[in-house]
Amino acid sequence: MIRRVLAATALAAAALAVVPTTAQAGTQGYNCRPNYRCLTTYYSDAAHTDVVGEKGEGCDGSSEIWGDVTRYTTLDVSYCG
């Protein structure tokens, strides 16, 4: 039972790490969970041709943002351990 729960949790975390997010339209980006490092990249258009801004969130809860916030985003999430 515990193995199944752990496997499901790992699968969900992996899915978050590789799925680009565009459902965050008009927001400041994804709110990173504790013990995760997140990088939201903002693009000028749906083709993701030009990066216009980024929001980085560290394992310690710190965050930094630069540039423009758009609805065209990708999200990279990694576990801090």
Protein backbone atom coordinates (compact mmCIF):
# COMPACT_ATOMS: atom_id res chain seq x y z
CA MET A 1 0.00 0.00 0.00
CA ILE A 2 2.73 2.48 0.96
CA ARG A 3 4.66 1.63 -2.22
CA ARG A 4 1.64 2.50 -4.34
CA VAL A 5 1.18 5.84 -2.58
CA LEU A 6 4.88 6.67 -3.00
CA ALA A 7 4.79 5.63 -6.66
CA ALA A 8 1.72 7.79 -7.31
CA THR A 9 3.34 10.76 -5.55
CA ALA A 10 6.55 10.37 -7.56
CA LEU A 11 4.57 10.11 -10.79
CA ALA A 12 2.60 13.27 -9.99
CA ALA A 13 5.81 15.18 -9.16
CA ALA A 14 7.42 14.03 -12.41
CA ALA A 15 4.37 15.13 -14.39
CA LEU A 16 4.60 18.61 -12.85
CA ALA A 17 8.27 18.82 -13.77
CA VAL A 18 7.81 18.21 -17.49
CA VAL A 19 4.39 19.63 -18.38
CA PRO A 20 4.53 23.22 -19.64
CA THR A 21 1.83 25.35 -18.08
CA THR A 22 -0.29 27.77 -20.04
CA ALA A 23 -3.31 27.58 -17.75
CA GLN A 24 -1.73 30.23 -15.54
CA ALA A 25 -2.85 33.04 -17.81
CA GLY A 26 -2.51 36.44 -16.23
CA THR A 27 -0.88 35.25 -13.02
CA GLN A 28 2.52 35.78 -11.46
CA GLY A 29 3.21 32.09 -12.05
CA TYR A 30 3.10 28.86 -10.15
CA ASN A 31 3.47 29.00 -6.36
CA CYS A 32 6.28 26.64 -5.52
CA ARG A 33 5.75 24.09 -2.74
CA PRO A 34 8.20 23.81 0.17
CA ASN A 35 11.33 21.76 -0.63
CA TYR A 36 10.97 22.40 -4.37
CA ARG A 37 12.85 24.69 -6.74
CA CYS A 38 10.68 26.24 -9.47
CA LEU A 39 11.46 28.29 -12.55
CA THR A 40 8.62 29.90 -14.48
CA THR A 41 9.71 31.27 -17.86
CA TYR A 42 7.53 33.87 -19.60
CA TYR A 43 7.45 34.13 -23.41
CA SER A 44 6.25 36.80 -25.81
CA ASP A 45 3.90 34.46 -27.71
CA ALA A 46 2.39 30.99 -27.82
CA ALA A 47 5.26 29.70 -29.99
CA HIS A 48 7.69 30.45 -27.12
CA THR A 49 10.11 32.20 -29.46
CA ASP A 50 11.33 34.99 -27.17
CA VAL A 51 11.87 34.87 -23.40
CA VAL A 52 10.60 38.12 -21.86
CA GLY A 53 10.87 37.27 -18.15
CA GLU A 54 11.42 34.64 -15.47
CA LYS A 55 10.41 33.91 -11.91
CA GLY A 56 12.70 31.69 -9.86
CA GLU A 57 11.77 30.26 -6.48
CA GLY A 58 14.41 28.60 -4.31
CA CYS A 59 14.29 25.66 -1.93
CA ASP A 60 14.37 28.06 1.00
CA GLY A 61 11.26 29.96 -0.17
CA SER A 62 13.17 32.87 -1.67
CA SER A 63 12.03 34.21 -5.03
CA GLU A 64 13.26 36.52 -7.74
CA ILE A 65 11.45 37.85 -10.78
CA TRP A 66 12.59 39.89 -13.76
CA GLY A 67 11.07 41.11 -17.02
CA ASP A 68 7.50 40.87 -18.19
CA VAL A 69 4.83 38.48 -16.94
CA THR A 70 2.76 37.00 -19.77
CA ARG A 71 0.27 34.19 -20.16
CA TYR A 72 2.73 32.15 -22.25
CA THR A 73 4.75 30.14 -19.74
CA THR A 74 6.69 26.99 -19.07
CA LEU A 75 7.39 25.60 -15.64
CA ASP A 76 10.41 23.63 -14.45
CA VAL A 77 10.04 22.05 -11.00
CA SER A 78 12.67 20.02 -9.17
CA TYR A 79 12.73 18.47 -5.71
CA CYS A 80 15.36 19.83 -3.35
CA GLY A 81 15.71 16.66 -1.34
